[in-house]
Amino acid sequence: MGMTRDATLDEVCALIALMPDAKVVGQEWSGDHARIVVHVAGDALEALTHAAWTANVQVERHASELGHHVITASAVPRDMLDHGELQIVGIHLVWHLLRAGVLPQSTGQ
């Protein structure tokens, strides 16, 4: 059995929190969509935007908070993933964090 959608959202937020210059300041559900509010600067914004773009997820500037962006991702099952685009964002964040040396590489042993 896979993770719940709440656990998936928590995991994606934890991955974002590992990025230098990114801090999750809020998360919530709106129907089947997760909304993550992130205070982000520098290279972290580019990495988040790329991860979102590749997952077909929106990243928009917060309407009233300078430096804050809102990521809105569907958690409707898709392509054999229980939590769809939210999970895809998480996958792309893991790849980014591996390339950046934030997450340890597996040695395969």
C-alpha atoms as a PDB file:
ATOM      1  CA  MET A   1       0.000   0.000   0.000  1.00  0.00           C
ATOM      2  CA  GLY A   2       1.314   3.456  -0.948  1.00  0.00           C
ATOM      3  CA  MET A   3       1.462   6.685   0.981  1.00  0.00           C
ATOM      4  CA  THR A   4      -1.642   8.727   1.717  1.00  0.00           C
ATOM      5  CA  ARG A   5      -2.076  11.978  -0.144  1.00  0.00           C
ATOM      6  CA  ASP A   6      -1.357  13.875   3.097  1.00  0.00           C
ATOM      7  CA  ALA A   7       1.897  11.948   3.549  1.00  0.00           C
ATOM      8  CA  THR A   8       2.811  12.645  -0.074  1.00  0.00           C
ATOM      9  CA  LEU A   9       2.199  16.363   0.440  1.00  0.00           C
ATOM     10  CA  ASP A  10       4.300  16.307   3.624  1.00  0.00           C
ATOM     11  CA  GLU A  11       7.116  14.536   1.753  1.00  0.00           C
ATOM     12  CA  VAL A  12       7.076  17.056  -1.114  1.00  0.00           C
ATOM     13  CA  CYS A  13       7.197  19.900   1.430  1.00  0.00           C
ATOM     14  CA  ALA A  14      10.119  18.198   3.206  1.00  0.00           C
ATOM     15  CA  LEU A  15      11.981  17.963  -0.115  1.00  0.00           C
ATOM     16  CA  ILE A  16      11.386  21.665  -0.788  1.00  0.00           C
ATOM     17  CA  ALA A  17      12.669  22.464   2.703  1.00  0.00           C
ATOM     18  CA  LEU A  18      15.977  20.756   1.834  1.00  0.00           C
ATOM     19  CA  MET A  19      16.613  23.295  -0.909  1.00  0.00           C
ATOM     20  CA  PRO A  20      18.836  26.226   0.004  1.00  0.00           C
ATOM     21  CA  ASP A  21      16.867  29.496  -0.188  1.00  0.00           C
ATOM     22  CA  ALA A  22      13.460  27.777  -0.001  1.00  0.00           C
ATOM     23  CA  LYS A  23      11.126  27.587   2.978  1.00  0.00           C
ATOM     24  CA  VAL A  24       7.624  26.145   3.022  1.00  0.00           C
ATOM     25  CA  VAL A  25       5.368  28.640   4.792  1.00  0.00           C
ATOM     26  CA  GLY A  26       2.046  26.909   4.226  1.00  0.00           C
ATOM     27  CA  GLN A  27       0.275  23.917   2.750  1.00  0.00           C
ATOM     28  CA  GLU A  28      -3.370  23.032   2.274  1.00  0.00           C
ATOM     29  CA  TRP A  29      -5.811  21.034   0.212  1.00  0.00           C
ATOM     30  CA  SER A  30      -8.384  22.550  -2.112  1.00  0.00           C
ATOM     31  CA  GLY A  31     -10.397  19.592  -3.315  1.00  0.00           C
ATOM     32  CA  ASP A  32      -7.990  17.295  -5.151  1.00  0.00           C
ATOM     33  CA  HIS A  33      -5.299  19.979  -5.413  1.00  0.00           C
ATOM     34  CA  ALA A  34      -2.444  20.591  -3.002  1.00  0.00           C
ATOM     35  CA  ARG A  35      -1.409  24.204  -2.503  1.00  0.00           C
ATOM     36  CA  ILE A  36       2.094  24.809  -1.181  1.00  0.00           C
ATOM     37  CA  VAL A  37       3.219  28.334  -0.306  1.00  0.00           C
ATOM     38  CA  VAL A  38       6.984  28.710  -0.508  1.00  0.00           C
ATOM     39  CA  HIS A  39       9.275  31.623   0.295  1.00  0.00           C
ATOM     40  CA  VAL A  40      11.946  31.204  -2.326  1.00  0.00           C
ATOM     41  CA  ALA A  41      14.913  33.105  -3.727  1.00  0.00           C
ATOM     42  CA  GLY A  42      17.828  32.654  -6.105  1.00  0.00           C
ATOM     43  CA  ASP A  43      18.514  29.276  -7.684  1.00  0.00           C
ATOM     44  CA  ALA A  44      15.755  27.623  -5.652  1.00  0.00           C
ATOM     45  CA  LEU A  45      13.109  29.496  -7.634  1.00  0.00           C
ATOM     46  CA  GLU A  46      14.558  28.245 -10.910  1.00  0.00           C
ATOM     47  CA  ALA A  47      14.728  24.660  -9.619  1.00  0.00           C
ATOM     48  CA  LEU A  48      11.149  24.753  -8.281  1.00  0.00           C
ATOM     49  CA  THR A  49       9.855  26.294 -11.487  1.00  0.00           C
ATOM     50  CA  HIS A  50      11.592  23.615 -13.553  1.00  0.00           C
ATOM     51  CA  ALA A  51      10.290  20.769 -11.351  1.00  0.00           C
ATOM     52  CA  ALA A  52       6.779  22.185 -11.582  1.00  0.00           C
ATOM     53  CA  TRP A  53       6.964  22.739 -15.335  1.00  0.00           C
ATOM     54  CA  THR A  54       8.095  19.161 -15.970  1.00  0.00           C
ATOM     55  CA  ALA A  55       5.222  17.883 -13.809  1.00  0.00           C
ATOM     56  CA  ASN A  56       2.642  20.125 -15.534  1.00  0.00           C
ATOM     57  CA  VAL A  57       2.087  22.011 -12.274  1.00  0.00           C
ATOM     58  CA  GLN A  58       1.506  25.729 -11.716  1.00  0.00           C
ATOM     59  CA  VAL A  59       3.881  27.998  -9.810  1.00  0.00           C
ATOM     60  CA  GLU A  60       2.623  31.544  -9.360  1.00  0.00           C
ATOM     61  CA  ARG A  61       3.751  34.546  -7.392  1.00  0.00           C
ATOM     62  CA  HIS A  62       1.761  35.009  -4.212  1.00  0.00           C
ATOM     63  CA  ALA A  63      -0.724  37.836  -4.641  1.00  0.00           C
ATOM     64  CA  SER A  64       0.313  39.734  -1.514  1.00  0.00           C
ATOM     65  CA  GLU A  65       3.518  38.276  -0.019  1.00  0.00           C
ATOM     66  CA  LEU A  66       6.787  39.404  -1.603  1.00  0.00           C
ATOM     67  CA  GLY A  67       9.111  36.455  -2.303  1.00  0.00           C
ATOM     68  CA  HIS A  68       6.341  33.904  -1.833  1.00  0.00           C
ATOM     69  CA  HIS A  69       5.187  31.572  -4.591  1.00  0.00           C
ATOM     70  CA  VAL A  70       2.249  29.165  -4.682  1.00  0.00           C
ATOM     71  CA  ILE A  71       2.613  25.694  -6.158  1.00  0.00           C
ATOM     72  CA  THR A  72      -0.709  24.074  -7.075  1.00  0.00           C
ATOM     73  CA  ALA A  73      -0.563  20.372  -7.925  1.00  0.00           C
ATOM     74  CA  SER A  74      -3.298  17.873  -8.650  1.00  0.00           C
ATOM     75  CA  ALA A  75      -3.301  14.700  -6.573  1.00  0.00           C
ATOM     76  CA  VAL A  76      -5.688  12.855  -8.895  1.00  0.00           C
ATOM     77  CA  PRO A  77      -4.238   9.443  -9.855  1.00  0.00           C
ATOM     78  CA  ARG A  78      -2.317   9.582 -13.122  1.00  0.00           C
ATOM     79  CA  ASP A  79       0.068   7.345 -15.050  1.00  0.00           C
ATOM     80  CA  MET A  80      -0.046   4.643 -12.348  1.00  0.00           C
ATOM     81  CA  LEU A  81       0.853   7.172  -9.642  1.00  0.00           C
ATOM     82  CA  ASP A  82      -1.577   7.334  -6.726  1.00  0.00           C
ATOM     83  CA  HIS A  83      -1.165  11.086  -6.261  1.00  0.00           C
ATOM     84  CA  GLY A  84      -0.511  12.204  -9.828  1.00  0.00           C
ATOM     85  CA  GLU A  85       1.184  15.516 -10.461  1.00  0.00           C
ATOM     86  CA  LEU A  86       1.990  16.068  -6.778  1.00  0.00           C
ATOM     87  CA  GLN A  87       4.031  12.876  -6.859  1.00  0.00           C
ATOM     88  CA  ILE A  88       5.686  13.880 -10.143  1.00  0.00           C
ATOM     89  CA  VAL A  89       6.824  17.164  -8.572  1.00  0.00           C
ATOM     90  CA  GLY A  90       8.343  15.146  -5.732  1.00  0.00           C
ATOM     91  CA  ILE A  91      10.191  12.907  -8.187  1.00  0.00           C
ATOM     92  CA  HIS A  92      11.685  15.903  -9.978  1.00  0.00           C
ATOM     93  CA  LEU A  93      12.664  17.491  -6.662  1.00  0.00           C
ATOM     94  CA  VAL A  94      14.489  14.295  -5.652  1.00  0.00           C
ATOM     95  CA  TRP A  95      16.386  14.326  -8.961  1.00  0.00           C
ATOM     96  CA  HIS A  96      17.320  17.981  -8.434  1.00  0.00           C
ATOM     97  CA  LEU A  97      18.469  17.367  -4.862  1.00  0.00           C
ATOM     98  CA  LEU A  98      20.551  14.362  -5.964  1.00  0.00           C
ATOM     99  CA  ARG A  99      22.274  16.424  -8.681  1.00  0.00           C
ATOM    100  CA  ALA A 100      22.880  19.244  -6.184  1.00  0.00           C
ATOM    101  CA  GLY A 101      24.477  16.803  -3.726  1.00  0.00           C
ATOM    102  CA  VAL A 102      21.862  17.500  -1.040  1.00  0.00           C
ATOM    103  CA  LEU A 103      20.598  13.906  -1.014  1.00  0.00           C
ATOM    104  CA  PRO A 104      23.156  11.099  -0.854  1.00  0.00           C
ATOM    105  CA  GLN A 105      23.693   9.028  -3.985  1.00  0.00           C
ATOM    106  CA  SER A 106      23.054   5.307  -3.608  1.00  0.00           C
ATOM    107  CA  THR A 107      26.172   3.209  -4.044  1.00  0.00           C
ATOM    108  CA  GLY A 108      24.121   0.219  -5.173  1.00  0.00           C
ATOM    109  CA  GLN A 109      25.763  -2.082  -2.630  1.00  0.00           C
END
